[in-house]
């Protein structure tokens, strides 16, 4: 299944209630980029928010935890698209708006 964790591809996490049921879910996928013309760095480890379900915590709390997990996985940048309810967390978590242009 596309949500099963796979190292370097997708990370998925759940919050489990005391009775064993899954109450919340979050995930991100990896999309590394090459850095050209820099002697010190040659790769940018970017991740993108993928799928979130927040039932027992707020979406902001879930995103905050997900960003910590991404950092612990070595992510340099955490991206999220303005889809579903994602935009409700952007201001509080200090997300910056992109310009929409990719550099090739």
Protein backbone atom coordinates (compact mmCIF):
# COMPACT_ATOMS: atom_id res chain seq x y z
CA UNK A 1 0.00 0.00 0.00
CA UNK A 2 1.21 3.55 -0.69
CA UNK A 3 1.08 4.59 2.98
CA UNK A 4 3.28 1.82 4.36
CA UNK A 5 6.63 3.23 5.54
CA UNK A 6 9.57 2.74 3.20
CA UNK A 7 12.99 4.16 4.11
CA UNK A 8 13.84 7.21 2.03
CA UNK A 9 10.44 7.16 0.31
CA UNK A 10 7.61 7.59 2.81
CA UNK A 11 7.28 7.80 6.58
CA UNK A 12 3.95 7.10 8.26
CA UNK A 13 3.02 7.38 11.94
CA UNK A 14 -0.05 6.60 14.01
CA UNK A 15 -1.38 7.51 17.41
CA UNK A 16 -2.89 4.52 19.13
CA UNK A 17 -5.49 4.70 21.89
CA UNK A 18 -5.20 2.65 25.07
CA UNK A 19 -7.68 0.15 23.64
CA UNK A 20 -5.43 -0.44 20.61
CA UNK A 21 -7.47 1.49 18.06
CA UNK A 22 -5.74 3.91 15.72
CA UNK A 23 -7.00 7.46 16.34
CA UNK A 24 -4.66 9.70 14.34
CA UNK A 25 -2.38 9.30 11.32
CA UNK A 26 0.28 11.42 9.65
CA UNK A 27 2.84 10.93 6.91
CA UNK A 28 5.38 12.62 4.67
CA UNK A 29 7.25 11.61 1.54
CA UNK A 30 10.86 12.30 0.62
CA UNK A 31 11.82 14.32 -2.45
CA UNK A 32 15.57 15.04 -2.31
CA UNK A 33 17.15 17.51 -4.71
CA UNK A 34 20.70 17.88 -6.02
CA UNK A 35 22.57 21.07 -5.22
CA UNK A 36 24.79 22.14 -8.09
CA UNK A 37 27.79 24.40 -7.77
CA UNK A 38 28.24 24.26 -4.00
CA UNK A 39 31.44 22.75 -2.64
CA UNK A 40 30.00 22.19 0.84
CA UNK A 41 26.56 20.70 0.06
CA UNK A 42 25.41 18.45 -2.78
CA UNK A 43 21.93 17.36 -1.63
CA UNK A 44 18.86 19.01 -0.12
CA UNK A 45 16.74 16.55 1.84
CA UNK A 46 13.21 17.87 1.38
CA UNK A 47 10.07 16.14 2.60
CA UNK A 48 6.44 16.88 1.81
CA UNK A 49 3.45 16.48 4.04
CA UNK A 50 1.40 13.67 2.55
CA UNK A 51 -1.70 12.58 4.48
CA UNK A 52 -2.99 13.56 7.92
CA UNK A 53 -5.96 12.56 10.06
CA UNK A 54 -6.24 14.36 13.40
CA UNK A 55 -8.94 13.11 15.76
CA UNK A 56 -7.52 13.20 19.30
CA UNK A 57 -5.00 16.02 18.78
CA UNK A 58 -5.24 19.24 16.81
CA UNK A 59 -3.94 19.35 13.26
CA UNK A 60 -1.36 21.89 14.45
CA UNK A 61 -0.07 19.47 17.10
CA UNK A 62 0.04 16.66 14.55
CA UNK A 63 2.00 18.82 12.07
CA UNK A 64 4.39 19.99 14.80
CA UNK A 65 5.13 16.39 15.77
CA UNK A 66 5.46 15.40 12.13
CA UNK A 67 8.02 18.14 11.53
CA UNK A 68 10.08 16.90 14.50
CA UNK A 69 9.93 13.36 13.13
CA UNK A 70 11.03 14.64 9.70
CA UNK A 71 13.94 16.52 11.27
CA UNK A 72 14.96 13.36 13.11
CA UNK A 73 14.93 11.53 9.75
CA UNK A 74 17.41 14.06 8.37
CA UNK A 75 15.06 16.41 6.50
CA UNK A 76 16.44 19.86 5.75
CA UNK A 77 13.09 21.29 4.62
CA UNK A 78 9.48 20.38 5.43
CA UNK A 79 6.99 21.38 2.72
CA UNK A 80 3.22 21.31 2.76
CA UNK A 81 0.79 22.17 0.01
CA UNK A 82 -2.27 24.33 0.59
CA UNK A 83 -4.67 21.38 0.36
CA UNK A 84 -7.50 20.13 2.53
CA UNK A 85 -7.12 21.84 5.94
CA UNK A 86 -3.34 22.25 5.82
CA UNK A 87 -3.49 26.03 5.52
CA UNK A 88 -4.99 26.27 9.02
CA UNK A 89 -1.59 25.43 10.55
CA UNK A 90 0.70 27.47 8.31
CA UNK A 91 0.70 30.76 10.22
CA UNK A 92 1.11 29.33 13.72
CA UNK A 93 3.88 26.97 12.62
CA UNK A 94 5.61 29.76 10.67
CA UNK A 95 5.43 28.19 7.21
CA UNK A 96 6.67 30.50 4.47
CA UNK A 97 4.79 30.82 1.22
CA UNK A 98 6.64 29.58 -1.84
CA UNK A 99 6.86 31.56 -5.05
CA UNK A 100 5.67 28.67 -7.22
CA UNK A 101 8.83 28.63 -9.33
CA UNK A 102 11.15 25.64 -9.52
CA UNK A 103 14.80 26.07 -10.40
CA UNK A 104 16.16 23.44 -12.78
